[in-house]
């Protein structure tokens, strides 16, 4: 070991997360399940294409009316 080597630093937040994962090993699987419910979705490319084509361009000054 080097004379100048300092001990590894772990913040309070890092230590808390490590203790939490050690006490609840199923936590990571539950997080992955929650993510799959909200984010991991199959996208229909046809519908996305239709939505992008149906989009109306915004005017330069949105508060100006047509009259």
PDB file of N, CA and C in Angstrom:
ATOM      1  N   UNK A   1       0.840  -1.175   0.000  1.00  0.00           N
ATOM      2  CA  UNK A   1       0.000   0.000   0.000  1.00  0.00           C
ATOM      3  C   UNK A   1       0.890   1.244   0.000  1.00  0.00           C
ATOM      4  N   UNK A   2       0.477   2.221  -0.755  1.00  0.00           N
ATOM      5  CA  UNK A   2       1.243   3.454  -0.861  1.00  0.00           C
ATOM      6  C   UNK A   2       1.117   4.272   0.425  1.00  0.00           C
ATOM      7  N   UNK A   3       2.171   4.988   0.724  1.00  0.00           N
ATOM      8  CA  UNK A   3       2.188   5.849   1.904  1.00  0.00           C
ATOM      9  C   UNK A   3       1.169   6.977   1.756  1.00  0.00           C
ATOM     10  N   UNK A   4       0.929   7.411   0.513  1.00  0.00           N
ATOM     11  CA  UNK A   4       0.042   8.542   0.262  1.00  0.00           C
ATOM     12  C   UNK A   4      -1.403   8.130   0.010  1.00  0.00           C
ATOM     13  N   UNK A   5      -1.672   6.846   0.015  1.00  0.00           N
ATOM     14  CA  UNK A   5      -3.040   6.360  -0.252  1.00  0.00           C
ATOM     15  C   UNK A   5      -3.955   6.772   0.884  1.00  0.00           C
ATOM     16  N   UNK A   6      -5.085   7.341   0.522  1.00  0.00           N
ATOM     17  CA  UNK A   6      -6.074   7.754   1.509  1.00  0.00           C
ATOM     18  C   UNK A   6      -7.188   6.714   1.537  1.00  0.00           C
ATOM     19  N   UNK A   7      -7.852   6.556   2.651  1.00  0.00           N
ATOM     20  CA  UNK A   7      -8.959   5.594   2.699  1.00  0.00           C
ATOM     21  C   UNK A   7     -10.093   6.021   1.758  1.00  0.00           C
ATOM     22  N   UNK A   8     -10.789   5.055   1.211  1.00  0.00           N
ATOM     23  CA  UNK A   8     -11.891   5.360   0.291  1.00  0.00           C
ATOM     24  C   UNK A   8     -12.988   6.106   1.032  1.00  0.00           C
ATOM     25  N   UNK A   9     -13.496   7.148   0.410  1.00  0.00           N
ATOM     26  CA  UNK A   9     -14.545   7.962   1.004  1.00  0.00           C
ATOM     27  C   UNK A   9     -15.900   7.487   0.497  1.00  0.00           C
ATOM     28  N   UNK A  10     -16.850   7.344   1.395  1.00  0.00           N
ATOM     29  CA  UNK A  10     -18.234   7.029   1.052  1.00  0.00           C
ATOM     30  C   UNK A  10     -19.121   8.064   1.731  1.00  0.00           C
ATOM     31  N   UNK A  11     -19.924   8.740   0.947  1.00  0.00           N
ATOM     32  CA  UNK A  11     -20.814   9.754   1.514  1.00  0.00           C
ATOM     33  C   UNK A  11     -21.910   9.090   2.335  1.00  0.00           C
ATOM     34  N   UNK A  12     -22.620   9.901   3.092  1.00  0.00           N
ATOM     35  CA  UNK A  12     -23.719   9.389   3.905  1.00  0.00           C
ATOM     36  C   UNK A  12     -24.809   8.780   3.021  1.00  0.00           C
ATOM     37  N   UNK A  13     -25.056   9.422   1.890  1.00  0.00           N
ATOM     38  CA  UNK A  13     -26.086   8.907   0.982  1.00  0.00           C
ATOM     39  C   UNK A  13     -25.683   7.547   0.413  1.00  0.00           C
ATOM     40  N   UNK A  14     -24.419   7.399   0.038  1.00  0.00           N
ATOM     41  CA  UNK A  14     -23.934   6.132  -0.501  1.00  0.00           C
ATOM     42  C   UNK A  14     -24.032   5.029   0.550  1.00  0.00           C
ATOM     43  N   UNK A  15     -23.642   5.338   1.771  1.00  0.00           N
ATOM     44  CA  UNK A  15     -23.729   4.348   2.845  1.00  0.00           C
ATOM     45  C   UNK A  15     -25.172   3.955   3.120  1.00  0.00           C
ATOM     46  N   UNK A  16     -26.076   4.945   3.082  1.00  0.00           N
ATOM     47  CA  UNK A  16     -27.495   4.650   3.298  1.00  0.00           C
ATOM     48  C   UNK A  16     -28.029   3.703   2.229  1.00  0.00           C
ATOM     49  N   UNK A  17     -27.703   3.980   0.968  1.00  0.00           N
ATOM     50  CA  UNK A  17     -28.194   3.139  -0.131  1.00  0.00           C
ATOM     51  C   UNK A  17     -27.607   1.739  -0.041  1.00  0.00           C
ATOM     52  N   UNK A  18     -26.332   1.633   0.304  1.00  0.00           N
ATOM     53  CA  UNK A  18     -25.725   0.311   0.444  1.00  0.00           C
ATOM     54  C   UNK A  18     -26.378  -0.481   1.574  1.00  0.00           C
ATOM     55  N   UNK A  19     -26.667   0.164   2.701  1.00  0.00           N
ATOM     56  CA  UNK A  19     -27.331  -0.516   3.816  1.00  0.00           C
ATOM     57  C   UNK A  19     -28.753  -0.918   3.437  1.00  0.00           C
ATOM     58  N   UNK A  20     -29.441  -0.029   2.720  1.00  0.00           N
ATOM     59  CA  UNK A  20     -30.812  -0.321   2.303  1.00  0.00           C
ATOM     60  C   UNK A  20     -30.850  -1.520   1.368  1.00  0.00           C
ATOM     61  N   UNK A  21     -29.939  -1.568   0.395  1.00  0.00           N
ATOM     62  CA  UNK A  21     -29.891  -2.706  -0.528  1.00  0.00           C
ATOM     63  C   UNK A  21     -29.498  -3.993   0.183  1.00  0.00           C
ATOM     64  N   UNK A  22     -28.644  -3.886   1.202  1.00  0.00           N
ATOM     65  CA  UNK A  22     -28.251  -5.082   1.948  1.00  0.00           C
ATOM     66  C   UNK A  22     -29.406  -5.608   2.798  1.00  0.00           C
ATOM     67  N   UNK A  23     -30.197  -4.695   3.343  1.00  0.00           N
ATOM     68  CA  UNK A  23     -31.310  -5.135   4.190  1.00  0.00           C
ATOM     69  C   UNK A  23     -32.520  -5.585   3.371  1.00  0.00           C
ATOM     70  N   UNK A  24     -32.666  -5.072   2.151  1.00  0.00           N
ATOM     71  CA  UNK A  24     -33.795  -5.444   1.280  1.00  0.00           C
ATOM     72  C   UNK A  24     -33.273  -5.839  -0.094  1.00  0.00           C
ATOM     73  N   UNK A  25     -32.841  -7.091  -0.259  1.00  0.00           N
ATOM     74  CA  UNK A  25     -32.269  -7.504  -1.548  1.00  0.00           C
ATOM     75  C   UNK A  25     -33.285  -7.500  -2.695  1.00  0.00           C
ATOM     76  N   UNK A  26     -34.561  -7.551  -2.385  1.00  0.00           N
ATOM     77  CA  UNK A  26     -35.586  -7.559  -3.440  1.00  0.00           C
ATOM     78  C   UNK A  26     -35.870  -6.161  -3.967  1.00  0.00           C
ATOM     79  N   UNK A  27     -35.287  -5.145  -3.380  1.00  0.00           N
ATOM     80  CA  UNK A  27     -35.577  -3.757  -3.741  1.00  0.00           C
ATOM     81  C   UNK A  27     -35.255  -3.463  -5.205  1.00  0.00           C
ATOM     82  N   UNK A  28     -34.130  -3.928  -5.692  1.00  0.00           N
ATOM     83  CA  UNK A  28     -33.738  -3.638  -7.071  1.00  0.00           C
ATOM     84  C   UNK A  28     -34.710  -4.270  -8.068  1.00  0.00           C
ATOM     85  N   UNK A  29     -35.183  -5.472  -7.781  1.00  0.00           N
ATOM     86  CA  UNK A  29     -36.165  -6.113  -8.663  1.00  0.00           C
ATOM     87  C   UNK A  29     -37.474  -5.328  -8.668  1.00  0.00           C
ATOM     88  N   UNK A  30     -37.870  -4.814  -7.508  1.00  0.00           N
ATOM     89  CA  UNK A  30     -39.088  -4.007  -7.440  1.00  0.00           C
ATOM     90  C   UNK A  30     -38.921  -2.708  -8.229  1.00  0.00           C
ATOM     91  N   UNK A  31     -37.745  -2.114  -8.172  1.00  0.00           N
ATOM     92  CA  UNK A  31     -37.489  -0.904  -8.944  1.00  0.00           C
ATOM     93  C   UNK A  31     -37.580  -1.185 -10.441  1.00  0.00           C
ATOM     94  N   UNK A  32     -37.023  -2.300 -10.870  1.00  0.00           N
ATOM     95  CA  UNK A  32     -37.084  -2.658 -12.295  1.00  0.00           C
ATOM     96  C   UNK A  32     -38.522  -2.908 -12.736  1.00  0.00           C
ATOM     97  N   UNK A  33     -39.324  -3.520 -11.880  1.00  0.00           N
ATOM     98  CA  UNK A  33     -40.731  -3.753 -12.196  1.00  0.00           C
ATOM     99  C   UNK A  33     -41.473  -2.423 -12.335  1.00  0.00           C
ATOM    100  N   UNK A  34     -41.228  -1.499 -11.413  1.00  0.00           N
ATOM    101  CA  UNK A  34     -41.860  -0.186 -11.494  1.00  0.00           C
ATOM    102  C   UNK A  34     -41.458   0.567 -12.747  1.00  0.00           C
ATOM    103  N   UNK A  35     -40.198   0.464 -13.117  1.00  0.00           N
ATOM    104  CA  UNK A  35     -39.744   1.120 -14.334  1.00  0.00           C
ATOM    105  C   UNK A  35     -40.423   0.529 -15.559  1.00  0.00           C
ATOM    106  N   UNK A  36     -40.569  -0.787 -15.572  1.00  0.00           N
ATOM    107  CA  UNK A  36     -41.190  -1.420 -16.733  1.00  0.00           C
ATOM    108  C   UNK A  36     -42.649  -1.010 -16.878  1.00  0.00           C
ATOM    109  N   UNK A  37     -43.316  -0.738 -15.767  1.00  0.00           N
ATOM    110  CA  UNK A  37     -44.715  -0.310 -15.832  1.00  0.00           C
ATOM    111  C   UNK A  37     -44.851   1.081 -16.448  1.00  0.00           C
ATOM    112  N   UNK A  38     -43.886   1.964 -16.161  1.00  0.00           N
ATOM    113  CA  UNK A  38     -44.015   3.352 -16.601  1.00  0.00           C
ATOM    114  C   UNK A  38     -43.260   3.680 -17.882  1.00  0.00           C
ATOM    115  N   UNK A  39     -42.097   3.083 -18.099  1.00  0.00           N
ATOM    116  CA  UNK A  39     -41.223   3.552 -19.152  1.00  0.00           C
ATOM    117  C   UNK A  39     -40.962   2.555 -20.268  1.00  0.00           C
ATOM    118  N   UNK A  40     -40.827   1.296 -19.972  1.00  0.00           N
ATOM    119  CA  UNK A  40     -40.447   0.317 -20.988  1.00  0.00           C
ATOM    120  C   UNK A  40     -41.688  -0.138 -21.761  1.00  0.00           C
ATOM    121  N   UNK A  41     -42.053   0.635 -22.753  1.00  0.00           N
ATOM    122  CA  UNK A  41     -43.252   0.353 -23.538  1.00  0.00           C
ATOM    123  C   UNK A  41     -42.873   0.133 -24.993  1.00  0.00           C
ATOM    124  N   UNK A  42     -43.614  -0.700 -25.663  1.00  0.00           N
ATOM    125  CA  UNK A  42     -43.467  -0.871 -27.105  1.00  0.00           C
ATOM    126  C   UNK A  42     -44.203   0.279 -27.793  1.00  0.00           C
ATOM    127  N   UNK A  43     -43.538   0.953 -28.715  1.00  0.00           N
ATOM    128  CA  UNK A  43     -44.128   2.089 -29.402  1.00  0.00           C
ATOM    129  C   UNK A  43     -44.585   1.677 -30.789  1.00  0.00           C
ATOM    130  N   UNK A  44     -45.767   2.140 -31.165  1.00  0.00           N
ATOM    131  CA  UNK A  44     -46.293   1.886 -32.495  1.00  0.00           C
ATOM    132  C   UNK A  44     -45.792   2.992 -33.421  1.00  0.00           C
ATOM    133  N   UNK A  45     -44.924   2.651 -34.347  1.00  0.00           N
ATOM    134  CA  UNK A  45     -44.294   3.646 -35.217  1.00  0.00           C
ATOM    135  C   UNK A  45     -45.306   4.340 -36.126  1.00  0.00           C
ATOM    136  N   UNK A  46     -46.356   3.637 -36.548  1.00  0.00           N
ATOM    137  CA  UNK A  46     -47.367   4.258 -37.409  1.00  0.00           C
ATOM    138  C   UNK A  46     -48.082   5.382 -36.683  1.00  0.00           C
ATOM    139  N   UNK A  47     -48.475   5.128 -35.440  1.00  0.00           N
ATOM    140  CA  UNK A  47     -49.177   6.154 -34.676  1.00  0.00           C
ATOM    141  C   UNK A  47     -48.260   7.342 -34.410  1.00  0.00           C
ATOM    142  N   UNK A  48     -47.005   7.084 -34.074  1.00  0.00           N
ATOM    143  CA  UNK A  48     -46.066   8.179 -33.847  1.00  0.00           C
ATOM    144  C   UNK A  48     -45.879   9.016 -35.105  1.00  0.00           C
ATOM    145  N   UNK A  49     -45.836   8.372 -36.252  1.00  0.00           N
ATOM    146  CA  UNK A  49     -45.699   9.088 -37.520  1.00  0.00           C
ATOM    147  C   UNK A  49     -46.932   9.942 -37.793  1.00  0.00           C
ATOM    148  N   UNK A  50     -48.126   9.399 -37.536  1.00  0.00           N
ATOM    149  CA  UNK A  50     -49.361  10.151 -37.739  1.00  0.00           C
ATOM    150  C   UNK A  50     -49.426  11.362 -36.816  1.00  0.00           C
ATOM    151  N   UNK A  51     -49.013  11.202 -35.583  1.00  0.00           N
ATOM    152  CA  UNK A  51     -49.035  12.308 -34.625  1.00  0.00           C
ATOM    153  C   UNK A  51     -48.079  13.402 -35.067  1.00  0.00           C
ATOM    154  N   UNK A  52     -46.899  13.035 -35.514  1.00  0.00           N
ATOM    155  CA  UNK A  52     -45.930  14.053 -35.932  1.00  0.00           C
ATOM    156  C   UNK A  52     -46.391  14.772 -37.197  1.00  0.00           C
ATOM    157  N   UNK A  53     -47.086  14.080 -38.083  1.00  0.00           N
ATOM    158  CA  UNK A  53     -47.591  14.722 -39.303  1.00  0.00           C
ATOM    159  C   UNK A  53     -48.788  15.618 -39.006  1.00  0.00           C
ATOM    160  N   UNK A  54     -49.567  15.305 -37.982  1.00  0.00           N
ATOM    161  CA  UNK A  54     -50.758  16.078 -37.653  1.00  0.00           C
ATOM    162  C   UNK A  54     -50.432  17.319 -36.821  1.00  0.00           C
ATOM    163  N   UNK A  55     -49.203  17.446 -36.404  1.00  0.00           N
ATOM    164  CA  UNK A  55     -48.815  18.579 -35.557  1.00  0.00           C
ATOM    165  C   UNK A  55     -48.899  19.878 -36.356  1.00  0.00           C
ATOM    166  N   UNK A  56     -49.452  20.925 -35.733  1.00  0.00           N
ATOM    167  CA  UNK A  56     -49.598  22.226 -36.371  1.00  0.00           C
ATOM    168  C   UNK A  56     -48.455  23.111 -35.913  1.00  0.00           C
ATOM    169  N   UNK A  57     -47.848  23.793 -36.851  1.00  0.00           N
ATOM    170  CA  UNK A  57     -46.721  24.666 -36.513  1.00  0.00           C
ATOM    171  C   UNK A  57     -47.191  25.832 -35.658  1.00  0.00           C
ATOM    172  N   UNK A  58     -46.407  26.175 -34.651  1.00  0.00           N
ATOM    173  CA  UNK A  58     -46.751  27.276 -33.767  1.00  0.00           C
ATOM    174  C   UNK A  58     -46.361  28.589 -34.413  1.00  0.00           C
ATOM    175  N   UNK A  59     -47.199  29.615 -34.216  1.00  0.00           N
ATOM    176  CA  UNK A  59     -46.887  30.935 -34.762  1.00  0.00           C
ATOM    177  C   UNK A  59     -45.715  31.546 -34.003  1.00  0.00           C
ATOM    178  N   UNK A  60     -45.084  32.521 -34.626  1.00  0.00           N
ATOM    179  CA  UNK A  60     -43.924  33.164 -34.019  1.00  0.00           C
ATOM    180  C   UNK A  60     -44.293  33.863 -32.717  1.00  0.00           C
ATOM    181  N   UNK A  61     -45.432  34.519 -32.687  1.00  0.00           N
ATOM    182  CA  UNK A  61     -45.895  35.196 -31.475  1.00  0.00           C
ATOM    183  C   UNK A  61     -47.235  34.603 -31.129  1.00  0.00           C
ATOM    184  N   UNK A  62     -47.279  33.749 -30.129  1.00  0.00           N
ATOM    185  CA  UNK A  62     -48.468  32.945 -29.872  1.00  0.00           C
ATOM    186  C   UNK A  62     -49.629  33.755 -29.318  1.00  0.00           C
ATOM    187  N   UNK A  63     -49.378  34.925 -28.742  1.00  0.00           N
ATOM    188  CA  UNK A  63     -50.470  35.704 -28.140  1.00  0.00           C
ATOM    189  C   UNK A  63     -51.137  36.638 -29.129  1.00  0.00           C
ATOM    190  N   UNK A  64     -50.659  36.680 -30.345  1.00  0.00           N
ATOM    191  CA  UNK A  64     -51.251  37.536 -31.346  1.00  0.00           C
ATOM    192  C   UNK A  64     -52.401  36.781 -31.998  1.00  0.00           C
ATOM    193  N   UNK A  65     -53.581  37.390 -32.024  1.00  0.00           N
ATOM    194  CA  UNK A  65     -54.715  36.718 -32.663  1.00  0.00           C
ATOM    195  C   UNK A  65     -54.741  37.006 -34.150  1.00  0.00           C
ATOM    196  N   UNK A  66     -55.623  36.327 -34.845  1.00  0.00           N
ATOM    197  CA  UNK A  66     -55.652  36.413 -36.306  1.00  0.00           C
ATOM    198  C   UNK A  66     -56.226  37.687 -36.844  1.00  0.00           C
ATOM    199  N   UNK A  67     -56.840  38.534 -36.046  1.00  0.00           N
ATOM    200  CA  UNK A  67     -57.480  39.740 -36.586  1.00  0.00           C
ATOM    201  C   UNK A  67     -56.571  40.934 -36.614  1.00  0.00           C
TER     202      UNK A  67
END
